[in-house]
Amino acid sequence: MNKRIIFTVTNDLNFDQRMQRIAGSLAAAGYEVCLVGVKKKNSPPLLALPFHQKRIPVWFEKGKLFYLEYMLKLLCWLLFQRAQVLCAIDLDTILPVYLVSKLKRIPRVYDAHELFCEMKEVVSRPLIYKTWKKIETFCVPCFRIGYTVNEPIARIFEQEYGVRYSVIRNVPKLSESQFLLEKEPFLLYQGAVNEGRLFEVLIPAMQYVQLPLHIYGDGNFLDQTSELIRRYRLEDRVFLKGKLAPSELKVITARASLGFTLFENQGLSNYYSLANRFFDYVHAATPQVAVDFPVYHQLNRDFPVAVLINTTDPAELAAAINNLLEDGLLYKQLQENCLKMRQEWNWEKEEKALLAIYQSI
């Protein structure tokens, strides 16, 4: 009988590229994999994927009541499941996984996509921060096996909790049809439209940029982003396109002239971030403007794939965008570096470390 692994997330599964890669690789390696997430009122039908998927319906779709309801329902569901390994994805599912793995005496794994307590929407709210920090302090030391997205975050877990986690980066699979060198005249932001992504800078910067900006995604800053577009009268230049399935988004990313990986310097989660979209742009041969934080600085050092900036001034951001679009030599060099580095930063290499972790359990 194949070893069964259950992964727990708080999204509706269809748009979680990292978990689709992880679950797909383990399923291909012979494991029985189940990815469990949330069913909301507007959740689209599940994609056909080579592993089991389960959605738990919730009444509350955000806020404290959402987390409380989902944790309790997830706990009850896990109690009646057969599994040889449980893996919590981020802090918001760690408590049910810890309790069930402890009760059933089965191995548990922690997959930390980010420093959850250091996200802006958490660290800027003292009571919420205190609650999640208590959960983290209690649970993480009990997860001796785990992995995260980059070395700085792994070091923080080791320093704070004495756990040494592996690094599994958020990189796409290699696909020769995934990139285009001839681009279309639009700019692209893809990913969560959340607090701390510098939309307060990016939107007003578009006053000084001629190409339109297409935003694909949703999140807790979507309403504020819509208001920024109205305030600066950019309805004819900035467009909210909603969420797309990963396969559709890859096509859009390859067509875009320029992408953005921007974060506000508030909270260590932003400062030490390594966003999926950074690598998505690389694989699409789409140059980008990215924030000059440590992880991106190191990745961009030898073969630059992005123009790195540190600014909260819309005019300075607009100047960086326009300079890159107008400098044909620089633009072509970034594209050539993207083609080179996608051969290094790809899932075919990262999944070897992932499979080694689960083979060792």
Protein backbone atom coordinates (compact mmCIF):
# COMPACT_ATOMS: atom_id res chain seq x y z
CA MET A 1 0.00 0.00 0.00
CA ASN A 2 1.35 3.43 -0.97
CA LYS A 3 2.18 5.87 1.79
CA ARG A 4 -0.61 8.47 2.04
CA ILE A 5 0.32 12.12 2.61
CA ILE A 6 -2.27 14.78 3.43
CA PHE A 7 -1.45 18.46 2.80
CA THR A 8 -3.59 21.19 4.38
CA VAL A 9 -4.08 24.72 2.99
CA THR A 10 -6.54 27.60 3.46
CA ASN A 11 -7.22 28.34 -0.22
CA ASP A 12 -9.56 26.68 -2.72
CA LEU A 13 -6.72 24.69 -4.42
CA ASN A 14 -7.16 25.77 -8.06
CA PHE A 15 -4.71 28.69 -7.93
CA ASP A 16 -2.01 27.27 -5.65
CA GLN A 17 0.82 26.59 -8.08
CA ARG A 18 3.35 25.63 -5.41
CA MET A 19 1.10 22.98 -3.90
CA GLN A 20 0.11 21.64 -7.30
CA ARG A 21 3.80 21.13 -8.11
CA ILE A 22 4.57 19.54 -4.73
CA ALA A 23 1.56 17.23 -4.71
CA GLY A 24 2.09 16.34 -8.37
CA SER A 25 5.75 15.40 -7.86
CA LEU A 26 4.97 13.18 -4.87
CA ALA A 27 2.08 11.52 -6.68
CA ALA A 28 4.36 10.81 -9.66
CA ALA A 29 6.87 9.28 -7.25
CA GLY A 30 4.28 6.74 -6.08
CA TYR A 31 2.79 8.39 -3.00
CA GLU A 32 -0.95 8.62 -2.44
CA VAL A 33 -1.46 12.37 -2.05
CA CYS A 34 -4.46 14.33 -0.83
CA LEU A 35 -4.54 18.13 -0.89
CA VAL A 36 -7.28 19.57 1.32
CA GLY A 37 -8.45 23.18 1.20
CA VAL A 38 -11.49 25.43 1.45
CA LYS A 39 -14.74 25.51 -0.50
CA LYS A 40 -16.18 29.03 -0.67
CA LYS A 41 -19.41 30.19 -2.26
CA ASN A 42 -17.68 31.34 -5.46
CA SER A 43 -15.09 28.56 -5.70
CA PRO A 44 -14.87 27.30 -9.30
CA PRO A 45 -14.95 23.56 -10.06
CA LEU A 46 -11.79 21.70 -9.14
CA LEU A 47 -9.17 21.25 -11.83
CA ALA A 48 -8.40 17.69 -12.92
CA LEU A 49 -5.02 16.96 -11.32
CA PRO A 50 -3.07 13.70 -10.74
CA PHE A 51 -3.77 13.53 -6.99
CA HIS A 52 -6.75 13.59 -4.63
CA GLN A 53 -8.33 16.91 -3.71
CA LYS A 54 -10.79 17.73 -0.95
CA ARG A 55 -12.53 20.99 -0.18
CA ILE A 56 -14.11 21.68 3.19
CA PRO A 57 -17.07 24.09 2.91
CA VAL A 58 -17.08 27.12 5.21
CA TRP A 59 -19.76 29.61 6.18
CA PHE A 60 -17.39 32.43 7.11
CA GLU A 61 -14.99 33.36 4.29
CA LYS A 62 -12.56 35.76 6.01
CA GLY A 63 -11.43 37.07 9.35
CA LYS A 64 -11.18 35.43 12.76
CA LEU A 65 -14.38 33.40 12.35
CA PHE A 66 -13.09 31.91 9.08
CA TYR A 67 -9.90 30.64 10.72
CA LEU A 68 -11.75 29.32 13.77
CA GLU A 69 -14.40 27.54 11.68
CA TYR A 70 -11.92 26.05 9.25
CA MET A 71 -9.51 24.87 11.95
CA LEU A 72 -12.32 23.05 13.77
CA LYS A 73 -13.70 21.48 10.59
CA LEU A 74 -10.22 20.50 9.40
CA LEU A 75 -9.47 18.95 12.81
CA CYS A 76 -12.64 16.84 12.66
CA TRP A 77 -11.99 15.78 9.06
CA LEU A 78 -8.37 14.78 9.76
CA LEU A 79 -9.41 12.67 12.76
CA PHE A 80 -11.25 10.27 10.45
CA GLN A 81 -8.61 10.06 7.72
CA ARG A 82 -6.05 7.38 7.07
CA ALA A 83 -2.60 8.87 6.54
CA GLN A 84 1.04 8.04 7.18
CA VAL A 85 2.20 11.70 7.03
CA LEU A 86 0.45 15.02 7.66
CA CYS A 87 1.88 18.27 6.29
CA ALA A 88 0.71 21.71 7.42
CA ILE A 89 1.09 24.46 4.85
CA ASP A 90 1.80 27.70 6.74
CA LEU A 91 0.74 28.62 10.22
CA ASP A 92 -3.00 28.85 9.56
CA THR A 93 -3.37 25.04 9.38
CA ILE A 94 -0.61 23.98 11.76
CA LEU A 95 -2.67 23.51 14.92
CA PRO A 96 -5.12 20.84 13.59
CA VAL A 97 -2.22 18.98 11.94
CA TYR A 98 -0.21 19.03 15.18
CA LEU A 99 -3.11 17.77 17.31
CA VAL A 100 -4.12 14.94 14.96
CA SER A 101 -0.54 13.82 14.30
CA LYS A 102 0.10 13.79 18.06
CA LEU A 103 -3.07 11.85 18.79
CA LYS A 104 -2.48 9.30 16.01
CA ARG A 105 1.30 9.20 16.50
CA ILE A 106 2.14 9.77 12.86
CA PRO A 107 4.91 11.96 11.36
CA ARG A 108 4.15 15.63 10.74
CA VAL A 109 5.85 18.10 8.37
CA TYR A 110 5.73 21.90 8.23
CA ASP A 111 5.87 23.72 4.88
CA ALA A 112 6.43 27.43 5.59
CA HIS A 113 5.74 29.49 2.47
CA GLU A 114 6.57 32.65 4.41
CA LEU A 115 7.12 34.12 7.86
CA PHE A 116 3.42 34.13 8.64
CA CYS A 117 3.60 36.27 11.80
CA GLU A 118 5.69 38.87 9.96
CA MET A 119 3.20 39.57 7.17
CA LYS A 120 2.06 43.19 7.20
CA GLU A 121 -1.58 42.29 7.80
CA VAL A 122 -0.49 40.35 10.92
CA VAL A 123 2.47 42.28 12.34
CA SER A 124 0.61 45.61 12.10
CA ARG A 125 -2.26 44.33 14.31
CA PRO A 126 -0.92 43.67 17.85
CA LEU A 127 -3.69 41.35 19.08
CA ILE A 128 -3.72 39.26 15.89
CA TYR A 129 0.08 39.12 15.93
CA LYS A 130 0.11 37.97 19.57
CA THR A 131 -2.38 35.18 18.84
CA TRP A 132 -0.54 33.80 15.81
CA LYS A 133 2.84 34.15 17.52
CA LYS A 134 1.63 32.00 20.42
CA ILE A 135 0.50 29.33 17.96
CA GLU A 136 3.85 29.50 16.16
CA THR A 137 5.89 29.36 19.39
CA PHE A 138 3.91 26.35 20.60
CA CYS A 139 3.74 24.37 17.35
CA VAL A 140 6.86 24.97 15.25
CA PRO A 141 9.36 23.40 17.71
CA CYS A 142 7.20 20.25 17.55
CA PHE A 143 7.66 20.01 13.77
CA ARG A 144 11.23 18.73 13.51
CA ILE A 145 10.85 18.03 9.79
CA GLY A 146 10.05 20.91 7.46
CA TYR A 147 11.03 23.10 4.56
CA THR A 148 10.64 26.71 3.48
CA VAL A 149 11.26 28.90 0.44
CA ASN A 150 14.70 30.42 1.09
CA GLU A 151 17.76 30.28 3.33
CA PRO A 152 17.14 33.49 5.38
CA ILE A 153 13.73 32.19 6.52
CA ALA A 154 15.26 28.78 7.30
CA ARG A 155 17.89 30.51 9.48
CA ILE A 156 15.21 32.44 11.38
CA PHE A 157 13.35 29.22 12.22
CA GLU A 158 16.61 27.66 13.39
CA GLN A 159 17.53 30.65 15.58
CA GLU A 160 14.07 31.04 17.12
CA TYR A 161 12.91 27.43 17.43
CA GLY A 162 15.93 25.17 16.98
CA VAL A 163 14.58 23.48 13.86
CA ARG A 164 16.70 23.18 10.73
CA TYR A 165 14.45 23.24 7.67
CA SER A 166 15.36 22.45 4.07
CA VAL A 167 14.87 24.99 1.26
CA ILE A 168 12.43 24.23 -1.57
CA ARG A 169 12.07 27.29 -3.80
CA ASN A 170 8.90 28.37 -5.61
CA VAL A 171 10.06 27.76 -9.18
CA PRO A 172 8.08 26.62 -12.25
CA LYS A 173 8.57 23.50 -14.30
CA LEU A 174 10.60 23.90 -17.45
CA SER A 175 8.52 24.34 -20.59
CA GLU A 176 9.89 25.38 -23.96
CA SER A 177 6.51 26.82 -24.96
CA GLN A 178 6.32 28.95 -21.82
CA PHE A 179 8.32 31.98 -23.01
CA LEU A 180 8.11 34.55 -25.80
CA LEU A 181 10.79 37.04 -26.82
CA GLU A 182 8.39 39.22 -28.81
CA LYS A 183 6.16 40.99 -26.30
CA GLU A 184 2.83 42.78 -26.37
CA PRO A 185 2.47 46.40 -25.13
CA PHE A 186 1.15 45.91 -21.60
CA LEU A 187 2.60 45.63 -18.09
CA LEU A 188 1.68 42.82 -15.71
CA TYR A 189 1.18 42.32 -12.00
CA GLN A 190 0.27 38.74 -11.14
CA GLY A 191 -0.36 37.31 -7.68
CA ALA A 192 -2.14 38.25 -4.48
CA VAL A 193 -3.51 41.79 -4.38
CA ASN A 194 -2.65 42.11 -0.69
CA GLU A 195 -1.45 44.69 1.76
CA GLY A 196 2.25 45.45 1.54
CA ARG A 197 2.59 44.92 -2.24
CA LEU A 198 3.20 48.65 -2.93
CA PHE A 199 0.01 49.26 -4.90
CA GLU A 200 -0.04 52.67 -3.20
CA VAL A 201 3.13 53.39 -5.22
CA LEU A 202 2.53 51.36 -8.39
CA ILE A 203 -0.92 52.76 -9.21
CA PRO A 204 0.01 56.48 -9.05
CA ALA A 205 3.25 55.67 -10.93
CA MET A 206 1.10 54.66 -13.89
CA GLN A 207 0.25 58.35 -14.42
CA TYR A 208 3.72 58.68 -15.96
CA VAL A 209 3.78 55.41 -17.96
CA GLN A 210 2.15 55.05 -21.36
CA LEU A 211 1.58 51.29 -21.43
CA PRO A 212 -1.46 49.85 -19.64
CA LEU A 213 -1.12 47.75 -16.48
CA HIS A 214 -3.05 44.48 -16.17
CA ILE A 215 -3.51 43.11 -12.63
CA TYR A 216 -4.32 39.40 -12.35
CA GLY A 217 -5.30 38.21 -8.88
CA ASP A 218 -7.35 39.14 -5.85
CA GLY A 219 -6.76 39.62 -2.15
CA ASN A 220 -7.32 41.77 0.90
CA PHE A 221 -6.23 45.00 -0.84
CA LEU A 222 -8.44 44.69 -3.91
CA ASP A 223 -11.01 47.31 -2.84
CA GLN A 224 -8.26 49.79 -1.95
CA THR A 225 -6.60 49.14 -5.31
CA SER A 226 -9.88 49.90 -7.10
CA GLU A 227 -10.15 53.14 -5.14
CA LEU A 228 -6.57 54.11 -6.07
CA ILE A 229 -7.39 53.56 -9.74
CA ARG A 230 -10.43 55.84 -9.44
CA ARG A 231 -8.58 58.47 -7.38
CA TYR A 232 -5.86 58.87 -9.99
CA ARG A 233 -8.35 58.58 -12.89
CA LEU A 234 -6.53 55.62 -14.39
CA GLU A 235 -9.55 53.53 -15.37
CA ASP A 236 -8.37 53.62 -19.00
CA ARG A 237 -4.83 52.46 -18.12
CA VAL A 238 -5.01 50.10 -15.11
CA PHE A 239 -7.27 47.05 -15.36
CA LEU A 240 -8.26 44.54 -12.67
CA LYS A 241 -8.52 41.24 -14.54
CA GLY A 242 -9.37 38.87 -11.65
CA LYS A 243 -7.86 35.44 -11.02
CA LEU A 244 -6.80 32.99 -13.69
CA ALA A 245 -5.93 29.31 -13.52
CA PRO A 246 -2.13 28.80 -13.52
CA SER A 247 -2.11 27.39 -17.07
CA GLU A 248 -3.92 30.47 -18.42
CA LEU A 249 -1.76 32.88 -16.42
CA LYS A 250 1.43 31.41 -17.94
CA VAL A 251 0.23 32.46 -21.40
CA ILE A 252 -0.45 36.03 -20.22
CA THR A 253 2.91 36.27 -18.42
CA ALA A 254 4.80 35.27 -21.56
CA ARG A 255 3.07 38.02 -23.57
CA ALA A 256 3.65 40.89 -21.12
CA SER A 257 6.37 43.48 -21.73
CA LEU A 258 7.24 43.88 -18.07
CA GLY A 259 6.34 42.39 -14.69
CA PHE A 260 6.48 43.55 -11.07
CA THR A 261 7.67 41.94 -7.84
CA LEU A 262 7.19 44.70 -5.26
CA PHE A 263 6.92 44.64 -1.48
CA GLU A 264 6.72 47.25 1.25
CA ASN A 265 9.55 47.06 3.79
CA GLN A 266 7.28 46.33 6.74
CA GLY A 267 7.58 42.94 8.39
CA LEU A 268 10.29 40.35 7.88
CA SER A 269 7.97 38.27 5.70
CA ASN A 270 8.15 40.97 3.03
CA TYR A 271 11.84 41.70 3.58
CA TYR A 272 12.83 38.05 3.18
CA SER A 273 10.18 37.17 0.62
CA LEU A 274 10.73 35.02 -2.44
CA ALA A 275 7.57 35.38 -4.50
CA ASN A 276 6.47 32.79 -7.06
CA ARG A 277 6.02 35.53 -9.62
CA PHE A 278 9.73 36.44 -9.59
CA PHE A 279 10.50 33.06 -11.16
CA ASP A 280 7.32 33.05 -13.28
CA TYR A 281 8.56 36.18 -15.07
CA VAL A 282 12.01 34.60 -15.52
CA HIS A 283 10.56 31.48 -17.13
CA ALA A 284 8.45 33.66 -19.43
CA ALA A 285 11.51 35.72 -20.49
CA THR A 286 9.66 38.77 -19.18
CA PRO A 287 11.96 41.38 -17.58
CA GLN A 288 10.71 42.80 -14.30
CA VAL A 289 11.06 45.61 -11.81
CA ALA A 290 11.64 44.04 -8.39
CA VAL A 291 12.32 45.26 -4.90
CA ASP A 292 15.99 45.34 -3.85
CA PHE A 293 15.63 43.10 -0.78
CA PRO A 294 18.31 40.54 0.22
CA VAL A 295 16.98 37.41 -1.52
CA TYR A 296 16.23 39.15 -4.82
CA HIS A 297 19.55 41.01 -4.64
CA GLN A 298 21.45 37.73 -4.32
CA LEU A 299 19.51 36.04 -7.13
CA ASN A 300 20.02 39.04 -9.42
CA ARG A 301 23.73 39.46 -8.69
CA ASP A 302 25.54 37.39 -11.31
CA PHE A 303 23.03 37.30 -14.17
CA PRO A 304 20.49 40.11 -13.71
CA VAL A 305 16.93 39.25 -14.72
CA ALA A 306 15.35 42.34 -13.13
CA VAL A 307 15.86 46.01 -12.43
CA LEU A 308 15.99 46.30 -8.64
CA ILE A 309 14.72 49.40 -6.86
CA ASN A 310 14.16 50.69 -3.32
CA THR A 311 11.62 53.49 -3.49
CA THR A 312 8.18 54.54 -2.33
CA ASP A 313 8.12 57.49 -4.76
CA PRO A 314 5.74 56.90 -7.70
CA ALA A 315 7.80 59.18 -9.96
CA GLU A 316 10.99 57.19 -9.27
CA LEU A 317 9.20 53.90 -9.93
CA ALA A 318 7.77 55.29 -13.18
CA ALA A 319 11.27 56.42 -14.23
CA ALA A 320 12.63 52.89 -13.62
CA ILE A 321 9.80 51.41 -15.71
CA ASN A 322 10.25 53.86 -18.58
CA ASN A 323 14.05 53.53 -18.58
CA LEU A 324 13.83 49.77 -18.88
CA LEU A 325 11.23 49.89 -21.64
CA GLU A 326 13.28 52.44 -23.60
CA ASP A 327 16.70 50.80 -23.16
CA GLY A 328 16.60 48.10 -25.81
CA LEU A 329 20.08 46.81 -25.01
CA LEU A 330 19.33 46.37 -21.30
CA TYR A 331 15.95 44.82 -22.05
CA LYS A 332 17.49 42.25 -24.40
CA GLN A 333 20.23 41.44 -21.86
CA LEU A 334 17.65 40.77 -19.15
CA GLN A 335 15.74 38.48 -21.52
CA GLU A 336 18.91 36.54 -22.38
CA ASN A 337 19.67 36.14 -18.67
CA CYS A 338 16.11 34.90 -18.09
CA LEU A 339 16.65 32.17 -20.69
CA LYS A 340 19.92 31.22 -19.03
CA MET A 341 18.66 31.20 -15.43
CA ARG A 342 15.44 29.30 -16.13
CA GLN A 343 17.76 26.35 -16.78
CA GLU A 344 19.00 26.70 -13.18
CA TRP A 345 15.85 27.85 -11.37
CA ASN A 346 13.34 25.14 -12.22
CA TRP A 347 11.18 22.58 -10.50
CA GLU A 348 12.99 19.63 -12.06
CA LYS A 349 15.96 20.52 -9.82
CA GLU A 350 14.01 21.56 -6.71
CA GLU A 351 11.83 18.46 -6.58
CA LYS A 352 14.87 16.26 -5.92
CA ALA A 353 15.25 17.89 -2.49
CA LEU A 354 11.51 17.55 -1.86
CA LEU A 355 11.47 13.82 -2.66
CA ALA A 356 14.52 13.27 -0.45
CA ILE A 357 12.65 14.75 2.54
CA TYR A 358 9.67 12.43 2.21
CA GLN A 359 11.81 9.39 1.42
CA SER A 360 13.63 9.99 4.71
CA ILE A 361 10.48 9.92 6.85
